Amino acid sequence: FFSAKFKTLSKTLTTKITVVIDEFNGLTPNQMFDAANVYLGTKISPTARRIKASKNEREKEVEFGVDKDEEIVDWFDGVRFSWVLVSSAVVGEKGKKRMRESG
């Protein structure tokens, strides 16, 4: 779904575009963020300086992901993609801070 929409969109845009995928859409988790995280875990290069590793109690395997500010370069249909996880603090209700990540 995303690749078809992106191909249509990319035909009308410049040669460089930034797509922001937030971790949450309001209070709801963003499925695109989760999917990108899983996908990029398979694309981590041996030259990466930092990666995240995690394992859920229910899972048998360790999952690897992109750490903040680490760049992953990927190619799809001849188009170069540069992925970077950006993390920032967001002040919520009652002044509490939580981390917000965008990939």
PDB file of N, CA and C in Angstrom:
ATOM      1  N   PHE A   1       0.831  -1.201   0.000  1.00  0.00           N
ATOM      2  CA  PHE A   1       0.000   0.000   0.000  1.00  0.00           C
ATOM      3  C   PHE A   1       0.865   1.250   0.000  1.00  0.00           C
ATOM      4  N   PHE A   2       1.817   1.313   0.931  1.00  0.00           N
ATOM      5  CA  PHE A   2       2.656   2.505   1.045  1.00  0.00           C
ATOM      6  C   PHE A   2       3.490   2.709  -0.206  1.00  0.00           C
ATOM      7  N   SER A   3       4.050   1.643  -0.760  1.00  0.00           N
ATOM      8  CA  SER A   3       4.914   1.791  -1.933  1.00  0.00           C
ATOM      9  C   SER A   3       4.120   2.303  -3.140  1.00  0.00           C
ATOM     10  N   ALA A   4       2.893   1.847  -3.300  1.00  0.00           N
ATOM     11  CA  ALA A   4       2.068   2.324  -4.415  1.00  0.00           C
ATOM     12  C   ALA A   4       1.739   3.799  -4.250  1.00  0.00           C
ATOM     13  N   LYS A   5       1.370   4.210  -3.047  1.00  0.00           N
ATOM     14  CA  LYS A   5       1.065   5.621  -2.788  1.00  0.00           C
ATOM     15  C   LYS A   5       2.314   6.473  -2.963  1.00  0.00           C
ATOM     16  N   PHE A   6       3.469   5.956  -2.503  1.00  0.00           N
ATOM     17  CA  PHE A   6       4.705   6.719  -2.598  1.00  0.00           C
ATOM     18  C   PHE A   6       5.135   6.899  -4.046  1.00  0.00           C
ATOM     19  N   LYS A   7       4.968   5.876  -4.883  1.00  0.00           N
ATOM     20  CA  LYS A   7       5.319   5.992  -6.300  1.00  0.00           C
ATOM     21  C   LYS A   7       4.493   7.085  -6.959  1.00  0.00           C
ATOM     22  N   THR A   8       3.206   7.122  -6.672  1.00  0.00           N
ATOM     23  CA  THR A   8       2.329   8.150  -7.230  1.00  0.00           C
ATOM     24  C   THR A   8       2.755   9.534  -6.757  1.00  0.00           C
ATOM     25  N   LEU A   9       3.037   9.650  -5.462  1.00  0.00           N
ATOM     26  CA  LEU A   9       3.438  10.928  -4.890  1.00  0.00           C
ATOM     27  C   LEU A   9       4.791  11.376  -5.411  1.00  0.00           C
ATOM     28  N   SER A  10       5.737  10.468  -5.559  1.00  0.00           N
ATOM     29  CA  SER A  10       7.097  10.822  -5.948  1.00  0.00           C
ATOM     30  C   SER A  10       7.187  11.364  -7.369  1.00  0.00           C
ATOM     31  N   LYS A  11       6.235  11.023  -8.220  1.00  0.00           N
ATOM     32  CA  LYS A  11       6.248  11.519  -9.598  1.00  0.00           C
ATOM     33  C   LYS A  11       6.012  13.021  -9.663  1.00  0.00           C
ATOM     34  N   THR A  12       5.371  13.580  -8.641  1.00  0.00           N
ATOM     35  CA  THR A  12       5.044  15.002  -8.655  1.00  0.00           C
ATOM     36  C   THR A  12       5.967  15.839  -7.770  1.00  0.00           C
ATOM     37  N   LEU A  13       6.936  15.210  -7.120  1.00  0.00           N
ATOM     38  CA  LEU A  13       7.780  15.916  -6.169  1.00  0.00           C
ATOM     39  C   LEU A  13       9.185  16.122  -6.695  1.00  0.00           C
ATOM     40  N   THR A  14       9.977  16.899  -5.943  1.00  0.00           N
ATOM     41  CA  THR A  14      11.364  17.129  -6.292  1.00  0.00           C
ATOM     42  C   THR A  14      12.173  15.869  -6.059  1.00  0.00           C
ATOM     43  N   THR A  15      13.464  15.947  -6.291  1.00  0.00           N
ATOM     44  CA  THR A  15      14.310  14.766  -6.157  1.00  0.00           C
ATOM     45  C   THR A  15      14.631  14.423  -4.710  1.00  0.00           C
ATOM     46  N   LYS A  16      14.343  15.328  -3.791  1.00  0.00           N
ATOM     47  CA  LYS A  16      14.614  15.043  -2.384  1.00  0.00           C
ATOM     48  C   LYS A  16      13.405  15.431  -1.543  1.00  0.00           C
ATOM     49  N   ILE A  17      12.954  14.502  -0.711  1.00  0.00           N
ATOM     50  CA  ILE A  17      11.790  14.739   0.135  1.00  0.00           C
ATOM     51  C   ILE A  17      12.022  14.067   1.485  1.00  0.00           C
ATOM     52  N   THR A  18      11.469  14.642   2.523  1.00  0.00           N
ATOM     53  CA  THR A  18      11.532  14.049   3.858  1.00  0.00           C
ATOM     54  C   THR A  18      10.145  13.568   4.230  1.00  0.00           C
ATOM     55  N   VAL A  19      10.058  12.292   4.596  1.00  0.00           N
ATOM     56  CA  VAL A  19       8.802  11.716   5.069  1.00  0.00           C
ATOM     57  C   VAL A  19       8.977  11.458   6.559  1.00  0.00           C
ATOM     58  N   VAL A  20       8.119  12.021   7.376  1.00  0.00           N
ATOM     59  CA  VAL A  20       8.180  11.852   8.826  1.00  0.00           C
ATOM     60  C   VAL A  20       7.141  10.824   9.236  1.00  0.00           C
ATOM     61  N   ILE A  21       7.597   9.805   9.958  1.00  0.00           N
ATOM     62  CA  ILE A  21       6.690   8.769  10.464  1.00  0.00           C
ATOM     63  C   ILE A  21       6.760   8.833  11.982  1.00  0.00           C
ATOM     64  N   ASP A  22       5.774   9.446  12.598  1.00  0.00           N
ATOM     65  CA  ASP A  22       5.749   9.582  14.050  1.00  0.00           C
ATOM     66  C   ASP A  22       5.405   8.260  14.719  1.00  0.00           C
ATOM     67  N   GLU A  23       5.911   8.094  15.932  1.00  0.00           N
ATOM     68  CA  GLU A  23       5.636   6.880  16.698  1.00  0.00           C
ATOM     69  C   GLU A  23       4.160   6.793  17.090  1.00  0.00           C
ATOM     70  N   PHE A  24       3.560   7.952  17.349  1.00  0.00           N
ATOM     71  CA  PHE A  24       2.149   7.995  17.746  1.00  0.00           C
ATOM     72  C   PHE A  24       1.389   8.963  16.867  1.00  0.00           C
ATOM     73  N   ASN A  25       0.117   8.650  16.644  1.00  0.00           N
ATOM     74  CA  ASN A  25      -0.817   9.548  15.994  1.00  0.00           C
ATOM     75  C   ASN A  25      -1.777   9.982  17.091  1.00  0.00           C
ATOM     76  N   GLY A  26      -1.446  11.075  17.756  1.00  0.00           N
ATOM     77  CA  GLY A  26      -2.181  11.445  18.963  1.00  0.00           C
ATOM     78  C   GLY A  26      -1.776  10.493  20.067  1.00  0.00           C
ATOM     79  N   LEU A  27      -2.734   9.760  20.622  1.00  0.00           N
ATOM     80  CA  LEU A  27      -2.444   8.767  21.656  1.00  0.00           C
ATOM     81  C   LEU A  27      -2.367   7.347  21.095  1.00  0.00           C
ATOM     82  N   THR A  28      -2.639   7.208  19.802  1.00  0.00           N
ATOM     83  CA  THR A  28      -2.679   5.894  19.167  1.00  0.00           C
ATOM     84  C   THR A  28      -1.330   5.552  18.538  1.00  0.00           C
ATOM     85  N   PRO A  29      -0.796   4.342  18.798  1.00  0.00           N
ATOM     86  CA  PRO A  29       0.452   3.941  18.137  1.00  0.00           C
ATOM     87  C   PRO A  29       0.291   3.939  16.614  1.00  0.00           C
ATOM     88  N   ASN A  30       1.318   4.394  15.914  1.00  0.00           N
ATOM     89  CA  ASN A  30       1.311   4.468  14.464  1.00  0.00           C
ATOM     90  C   ASN A  30       1.855   3.160  13.886  1.00  0.00           C
ATOM     91  N   GLN A  31       1.046   2.417  13.165  1.00  0.00           N
ATOM     92  CA  GLN A  31       1.466   1.144  12.593  1.00  0.00           C
ATOM     93  C   GLN A  31       2.589   1.315  11.578  1.00  0.00           C
ATOM     94  N   MET A  32       2.638   2.453  10.904  1.00  0.00           N
ATOM     95  CA  MET A  32       3.717   2.713   9.950  1.00  0.00           C
ATOM     96  C   MET A  32       5.058   2.796  10.674  1.00  0.00           C
ATOM     97  N   PHE A  33       5.075   3.389  11.862  1.00  0.00           N
ATOM     98  CA  PHE A  33       6.309   3.485  12.641  1.00  0.00           C
ATOM     99  C   PHE A  33       6.790   2.090  13.021  1.00  0.00           C
ATOM    100  N   ASP A  34       5.881   1.252  13.510  1.00  0.00           N
ATOM    101  CA  ASP A  34       6.242  -0.112  13.887  1.00  0.00           C
ATOM    102  C   ASP A  34       6.751  -0.903  12.689  1.00  0.00           C
ATOM    103  N   ALA A  35       6.076  -0.770  11.548  1.00  0.00           N
ATOM    104  CA  ALA A  35       6.481  -1.485  10.341  1.00  0.00           C
ATOM    105  C   ALA A  35       7.853  -1.018   9.862  1.00  0.00           C
ATOM    106  N   ALA A  36       8.099   0.284   9.898  1.00  0.00           N
ATOM    107  CA  ALA A  36       9.401   0.813   9.486  1.00  0.00           C
ATOM    108  C   ALA A  36      10.497   0.318  10.419  1.00  0.00           C
ATOM    109  N   ASN A  37      10.212   0.261  11.702  1.00  0.00           N
ATOM    110  CA  ASN A  37      11.187  -0.226  12.684  1.00  0.00           C
ATOM    111  C   ASN A  37      11.559  -1.681  12.414  1.00  0.00           C
ATOM    112  N   VAL A  38      10.573  -2.517  12.129  1.00  0.00           N
ATOM    113  CA  VAL A  38      10.822  -3.933  11.830  1.00  0.00           C
ATOM    114  C   VAL A  38      11.631  -4.050  10.536  1.00  0.00           C
ATOM    115  N   TYR A  39      11.209  -3.328   9.510  1.00  0.00           N
ATOM    116  CA  TYR A  39      11.896  -3.369   8.214  1.00  0.00           C
ATOM    117  C   TYR A  39      13.351  -2.935   8.352  1.00  0.00           C
ATOM    118  N   LEU A  40      13.580  -1.821   9.031  1.00  0.00           N
ATOM    119  CA  LEU A  40      14.935  -1.293   9.147  1.00  0.00           C
ATOM    120  C   LEU A  40      15.832  -2.179   9.995  1.00  0.00           C
ATOM    121  N   GLY A  41      15.240  -2.951  10.883  1.00  0.00           N
ATOM    122  CA  GLY A  41      16.025  -3.913  11.653  1.00  0.00           C
ATOM    123  C   GLY A  41      16.703  -4.937  10.764  1.00  0.00           C
ATOM    124  N   THR A  42      16.134  -5.180   9.580  1.00  0.00           N
ATOM    125  CA  THR A  42      16.734  -6.122   8.629  1.00  0.00           C
ATOM    126  C   THR A  42      17.752  -5.446   7.721  1.00  0.00           C
ATOM    127  N   LYS A  43      17.839  -4.129   7.769  1.00  0.00           N
ATOM    128  CA  LYS A  43      18.704  -3.372   6.863  1.00  0.00           C
ATOM    129  C   LYS A  43      19.926  -2.766   7.555  1.00  0.00           C
ATOM    130  N   ILE A  44      20.127  -3.092   8.818  1.00  0.00           N
ATOM    131  CA  ILE A  44      21.242  -2.503   9.552  1.00  0.00           C
ATOM    132  C   ILE A  44      22.554  -2.958   8.922  1.00  0.00           C
ATOM    133  N   SER A  45      23.402  -1.999   8.662  1.00  0.00           N
ATOM    134  CA  SER A  45      24.676  -2.251   7.992  1.00  0.00           C
ATOM    135  C   SER A  45      25.763  -2.619   8.995  1.00  0.00           C
ATOM    136  N   PRO A  46      26.745  -3.372   8.570  1.00  0.00           N
ATOM    137  CA  PRO A  46      27.868  -3.693   9.459  1.00  0.00           C
ATOM    138  C   PRO A  46      28.659  -2.454   9.888  1.00  0.00           C
ATOM    139  N   THR A  47      28.476  -1.346   9.161  1.00  0.00           N
ATOM    140  CA  THR A  47      29.188  -0.115   9.515  1.00  0.00           C
ATOM    141  C   THR A  47      28.420   0.740  10.524  1.00  0.00           C
ATOM    142  N   ALA A  48      27.214   0.302  10.908  1.00  0.00           N
ATOM    143  CA  ALA A  48      26.421   1.069  11.882  1.00  0.00           C
ATOM    144  C   ALA A  48      27.191   1.181  13.192  1.00  0.00           C
ATOM    145  N   ARG A  49      27.177   2.356  13.762  1.00  0.00           N
ATOM    146  CA  ARG A  49      27.891   2.580  15.015  1.00  0.00           C
ATOM    147  C   ARG A  49      27.038   2.234  16.224  1.00  0.00           C
ATOM    148  N   ARG A  50      25.720   2.394  16.120  1.00  0.00           N
ATOM    149  CA  ARG A  50      24.825   2.117  17.246  1.00  0.00           C
ATOM    150  C   ARG A  50      23.558   1.450  16.735  1.00  0.00           C
ATOM    151  N   ILE A  51      23.138   0.399  17.420  1.00  0.00           N
ATOM    152  CA  ILE A  51      21.858  -0.239  17.127  1.00  0.00           C
ATOM    153  C   ILE A  51      21.164  -0.521  18.459  1.00  0.00           C
ATOM    154  N   LYS A  52      19.846  -0.652  18.392  1.00  0.00           N
ATOM    155  CA  LYS A  52      19.084  -1.004  19.588  1.00  0.00           C
ATOM    156  C   LYS A  52      18.774  -2.494  19.539  1.00  0.00           C
ATOM    157  N   ALA A  53      18.867  -3.135  20.686  1.00  0.00           N
ATOM    158  CA  ALA A  53      18.502  -4.543  20.791  1.00  0.00           C
ATOM    159  C   ALA A  53      17.450  -4.667  21.888  1.00  0.00           C
ATOM    160  N   SER A  54      16.407  -5.469  21.629  1.00  0.00           N
ATOM    161  CA  SER A  54      15.364  -5.669  22.630  1.00  0.00           C
ATOM    162  C   SER A  54      14.766  -7.051  22.468  1.00  0.00           C
ATOM    163  N   LYS A  55      14.148  -7.526  23.541  1.00  0.00           N
ATOM    164  CA  LYS A  55      13.482  -8.823  23.507  1.00  0.00           C
ATOM    165  C   LYS A  55      12.291  -8.769  24.453  1.00  0.00           C
ATOM    166  N   ASN A  56      11.128  -8.988  23.907  1.00  0.00           N
ATOM    167  CA  ASN A  56       9.910  -9.069  24.694  1.00  0.00           C
ATOM    168  C   ASN A  56       9.896 -10.407  25.424  1.00  0.00           C
ATOM    169  N   GLU A  57       9.295 -10.454  26.585  1.00  0.00           N
ATOM    170  CA  GLU A  57       9.230 -11.685  27.372  1.00  0.00           C
ATOM    171  C   GLU A  57       8.614 -12.841  26.582  1.00  0.00           C
ATOM    172  N   ARG A  58       7.668 -12.527  25.727  1.00  0.00           N
ATOM    173  CA  ARG A  58       6.962 -13.555  24.955  1.00  0.00           C
ATOM    174  C   ARG A  58       7.715 -13.984  23.700  1.00  0.00           C
ATOM    175  N   GLU A  59       8.680 -13.188  23.273  1.00  0.00           N
ATOM    176  CA  GLU A  59       9.414 -13.473  22.038  1.00  0.00           C
ATOM    177  C   GLU A  59      10.589 -14.399  22.294  1.00  0.00           C
ATOM    178  N   LYS A  60      10.939 -15.180  21.277  1.00  0.00           N
ATOM    179  CA  LYS A  60      12.090 -16.071  21.380  1.00  0.00           C
ATOM    180  C   LYS A  60      13.360 -15.413  20.852  1.00  0.00           C
ATOM    181  N   GLU A  61      13.204 -14.491  19.932  1.00  0.00           N
ATOM    182  CA  GLU A  61      14.348 -13.877  19.259  1.00  0.00           C
ATOM    183  C   GLU A  61      14.572 -12.438  19.739  1.00  0.00           C
ATOM    184  N   VAL A  62      15.810 -12.026  19.674  1.00  0.00           N
ATOM    185  CA  VAL A  62      16.165 -10.635  19.948  1.00  0.00           C
ATOM    186  C   VAL A  62      15.837  -9.825  18.702  1.00  0.00           C
ATOM    187  N   GLU A  63      15.264  -8.647  18.895  1.00  0.00           N
ATOM    188  CA  GLU A  63      14.975  -7.752  17.778  1.00  0.00           C
ATOM    189  C   GLU A  63      16.017  -6.648  17.751  1.00  0.00           C
ATOM    190  N   PHE A  64      16.477  -6.310  16.562  1.00  0.00           N
ATOM    191  CA  PHE A  64      17.428  -5.226  16.404  1.00  0.00           C
ATOM    192  C   PHE A  64      16.751  -4.085  15.681  1.00  0.00           C
ATOM    193  N   GLY A  65      17.087  -2.876  16.072  1.00  0.00           N
ATOM    194  CA  GLY A  65      16.489  -1.706  15.460  1.00  0.00           C
ATOM    195  C   GLY A  65      17.473  -0.568  15.368  1.00  0.00           C
ATOM    196  N   VAL A  66      17.013   0.496  14.776  1.00  0.00           N
ATOM    197  CA  VAL A  66      17.822   1.687  14.581  1.00  0.00           C
ATOM    198  C   VAL A  66      17.851   2.491  15.870  1.00  0.00           C
ATOM    199  N   ASP A  67      19.026   2.955  16.256  1.00  0.00           N
ATOM    200  CA  ASP A  67      19.133   3.845  17.411  1.00  0.00           C
ATOM    201  C   ASP A  67      18.987   5.280  16.922  1.00  0.00           C
ATOM    202  N   LYS A  68      18.670   6.190  17.818  1.00  0.00           N
ATOM    203  CA  LYS A  68      18.445   7.575  17.402  1.00  0.00           C
ATOM    204  C   LYS A  68      19.703   8.159  16.763  1.00  0.00           C
ATOM    205  N   ASP A  69      19.470   8.961  15.748  1.00  0.00           N
ATOM    206  CA  ASP A  69      20.487   9.668  14.975  1.00  0.00           C
ATOM    207  C   ASP A  69      21.368   8.760  14.119  1.00  0.00           C
ATOM    208  N   GLU A  70      21.081   7.477  14.065  1.00  0.00           N
ATOM    209  CA  GLU A  70      21.841   6.555  13.210  1.00  0.00           C
ATOM    210  C   GLU A  70      21.179   6.527  11.831  1.00  0.00           C
ATOM    211  N   GLU A  71      21.975   6.658  10.780  1.00  0.00           N
ATOM    212  CA  GLU A  71      21.440   6.691   9.414  1.00  0.00           C
ATOM    213  C   GLU A  71      21.557   5.320   8.762  1.00  0.00           C
ATOM    214  N   ILE A  72      20.494   4.919   8.089  1.00  0.00           N
ATOM    215  CA  ILE A  72      20.501   3.699   7.294  1.00  0.00           C
ATOM    216  C   ILE A  72      20.129   4.089   5.867  1.00  0.00           C
ATOM    217  N   VAL A  73      20.954   3.667   4.924  1.00  0.00           N
ATOM    218  CA  VAL A  73      20.688   3.953   3.512  1.00  0.00           C
ATOM    219  C   VAL A  73      20.130   2.689   2.879  1.00  0.00           C
ATOM    220  N   ASP A  74      19.059   2.860   2.115  1.00  0.00           N
ATOM    221  CA  ASP A  74      18.378   1.739   1.484  1.00  0.00           C
ATOM    222  C   ASP A  74      17.994   2.158   0.069  1.00  0.00           C
ATOM    223  N   TRP A  75      17.877   1.198  -0.823  1.00  0.00           N
ATOM    224  CA  TRP A  75      17.454   1.458  -2.200  1.00  0.00           C
ATOM    225  C   TRP A  75      16.179   0.671  -2.487  1.00  0.00           C
ATOM    226  N   PHE A  76      15.212   1.320  -3.166  1.00  0.00           N
ATOM    227  CA  PHE A  76      13.976   0.653  -3.567  1.00  0.00           C
ATOM    228  C   PHE A  76      13.590   1.152  -4.947  1.00  0.00           C
ATOM    229  N   ASP A  77      13.476   0.264  -5.906  1.00  0.00           N
ATOM    230  CA  ASP A  77      13.132   0.619  -7.293  1.00  0.00           C
ATOM    231  C   ASP A  77      14.004   1.751  -7.827  1.00  0.00           C
ATOM    232  N   GLY A  78      15.295   1.699  -7.521  1.00  0.00           N
ATOM    233  CA  GLY A  78      16.224   2.710  -8.024  1.00  0.00           C
ATOM    234  C   GLY A  78      16.190   4.029  -7.279  1.00  0.00           C
ATOM    235  N   VAL A  79      15.421   4.107  -6.208  1.00  0.00           N
ATOM    236  CA  VAL A  79      15.324   5.340  -5.423  1.00  0.00           C
ATOM    237  C   VAL A  79      16.094   5.139  -4.120  1.00  0.00           C
ATOM    238  N   ARG A  80      16.951   6.108  -3.784  1.00  0.00           N
ATOM    239  CA  ARG A  80      17.748   6.049  -2.565  1.00  0.00           C
ATOM    240  C   ARG A  80      16.931   6.595  -1.396  1.00  0.00           C
ATOM    241  N   PHE A  81      16.885   5.834  -0.317  1.00  0.00           N
ATOM    242  CA  PHE A  81      16.211   6.258   0.903  1.00  0.00           C
ATOM    243  C   PHE A  81      17.256   6.381   2.006  1.00  0.00           C
ATOM    244  N   SER A  82      17.193   7.452   2.734  1.00  0.00           N
ATOM    245  CA  SER A  82      18.054   7.658   3.894  1.00  0.00           C
ATOM    246  C   SER A  82      17.139   7.736   5.106  1.00  0.00           C
ATOM    247  N   TRP A  83      17.253   6.755   6.014  1.00  0.00           N
ATOM    248  CA  TRP A  83      16.396   6.668   7.188  1.00  0.00           C
ATOM    249  C   TRP A  83      17.173   7.134   8.408  1.00  0.00           C
ATOM    250  N   VAL A  84      16.580   7.998   9.201  1.00  0.00           N
ATOM    251  CA  VAL A  84      17.185   8.462  10.451  1.00  0.00           C
ATOM    252  C   VAL A  84      16.099   8.505  11.517  1.00  0.00           C
ATOM    253  N   LEU A  85      16.387   7.924  12.684  1.00  0.00           N
ATOM    254  CA  LEU A  85      15.451   7.984  13.800  1.00  0.00           C
ATOM    255  C   LEU A  85      15.746   9.241  14.603  1.00  0.00           C
ATOM    256  N   VAL A  86      14.768  10.123  14.686  1.00  0.00           N
ATOM    257  CA  VAL A  86      14.904  11.379  15.425  1.00  0.00           C
ATOM    258  C   VAL A  86      14.034  11.276  16.670  1.00  0.00           C
ATOM    259  N   SER A  87      14.588  11.629  17.816  1.00  0.00           N
ATOM    260  CA  SER A  87      13.869  11.524  19.077  1.00  0.00           C
ATOM    261  C   SER A  87      13.828  12.897  19.747  1.00  0.00           C
ATOM    262  N   SER A  88      12.657  13.253  20.262  1.00  0.00           N
ATOM    263  CA  SER A  88      12.530  14.536  20.960  1.00  0.00           C
ATOM    264  C   SER A  88      11.554  14.396  22.118  1.00  0.00           C
ATOM    265  N   ALA A  89      11.740  15.229  23.119  1.00  0.00           N
ATOM    266  CA  ALA A  89      10.855  15.208  24.286  1.00  0.00           C
ATOM    267  C   ALA A  89       9.597  16.011  23.973  1.00  0.00           C
ATOM    268  N   VAL A  90       8.466  15.477  24.370  1.00  0.00           N
ATOM    269  CA  VAL A  90       7.182  16.151  24.179  1.00  0.00           C
ATOM    270  C   VAL A  90       6.568  16.356  25.555  1.00  0.00           C
ATOM    271  N   VAL A  91       6.148  17.582  25.827  1.00  0.00           N
ATOM    272  CA  VAL A  91       5.526  17.869  27.108  1.00  0.00           C
ATOM    273  C   VAL A  91       4.040  17.565  26.987  1.00  0.00           C
ATOM    274  N   GLY A  92       3.564  16.650  27.817  1.00  0.00           N
ATOM    275  CA  GLY A  92       2.161  16.239  27.791  1.00  0.00           C
ATOM    276  C   GLY A  92       1.364  16.949  28.862  1.00  0.00           C
ATOM    277  N   GLU A  93       0.249  16.350  29.225  1.00  0.00           N
ATOM    278  CA  GLU A  93      -0.606  16.929  30.247  1.00  0.00           C
ATOM    279  C   GLU A  93       0.124  17.012  31.579  1.00  0.00           C
ATOM    280  N   LYS A  94      -0.169  18.007  32.354  1.00  0.00           N
ATOM    281  CA  LYS A  94       0.414  18.235  33.677  1.00  0.00           C
ATOM    282  C   LYS A  94       1.928  18.396  33.623  1.00  0.00           C
ATOM    283  N   GLY A  95       2.452  18.830  32.449  1.00  0.00           N
ATOM    284  CA  GLY A  95       3.868  19.125  32.333  1.00  0.00           C
ATOM    285  C   GLY A  95       4.785  17.915  32.276  1.00  0.00           C
ATOM    286  N   LYS A  96       4.236  16.707  32.172  1.00  0.00           N
ATOM    287  CA  LYS A  96       5.074  15.511  32.112  1.00  0.00           C
ATOM    288  C   LYS A  96       5.705  15.396  30.723  1.00  0.00           C
ATOM    289  N   LYS A  97       6.972  14.973  30.712  1.00  0.00           N
ATOM    290  CA  LYS A  97       7.667  14.796  29.446  1.00  0.00           C
ATOM    291  C   LYS A  97       7.663  13.325  29.057  1.00  0.00           C
ATOM    292  N   ARG A  98       7.550  13.054  27.754  1.00  0.00           N
ATOM    293  CA  ARG A  98       7.728  11.713  27.227  1.00  0.00           C
ATOM    294  C   ARG A  98       8.506  11.853  25.926  1.00  0.00           C
ATOM    295  N   MET A  99       9.155  10.782  25.539  1.00  0.00           N
ATOM    296  CA  MET A  99       9.947  10.822  24.320  1.00  0.00           C
ATOM    297  C   MET A  99       9.056  10.551  23.122  1.00  0.00           C
ATOM    298  N   ARG A 100       9.315  11.290  22.063  1.00  0.00           N
ATOM    299  CA  ARG A 100       8.595  11.098  20.793  1.00  0.00           C
ATOM    300  C   ARG A 100       9.643  10.781  19.752  1.00  0.00           C
ATOM    301  N   GLU A 101       9.417   9.730  19.009  1.00  0.00           N
ATOM    302  CA  GLU A 101      10.389   9.341  17.994  1.00  0.00           C
ATOM    303  C   GLU A 101       9.746   9.437  16.622  1.00  0.00           C
ATOM    304  N   SER A 102      10.540   9.869  15.666  1.00  0.00           N
ATOM    305  CA  SER A 102      10.126   9.921  14.271  1.00  0.00           C
ATOM    306  C   SER A 102      11.192   9.237  13.448  1.00  0.00           C
ATOM    307  N   GLY A 103      10.768   8.473  12.464  1.00  0.00           N
ATOM    308  CA  GLY A 103      11.738   7.777  11.619  1.00  0.00           C
ATOM    309  C   GLY A 103      11.593   8.192  10.198  1.00  0.00           C
TER     310      GLY A 103
END
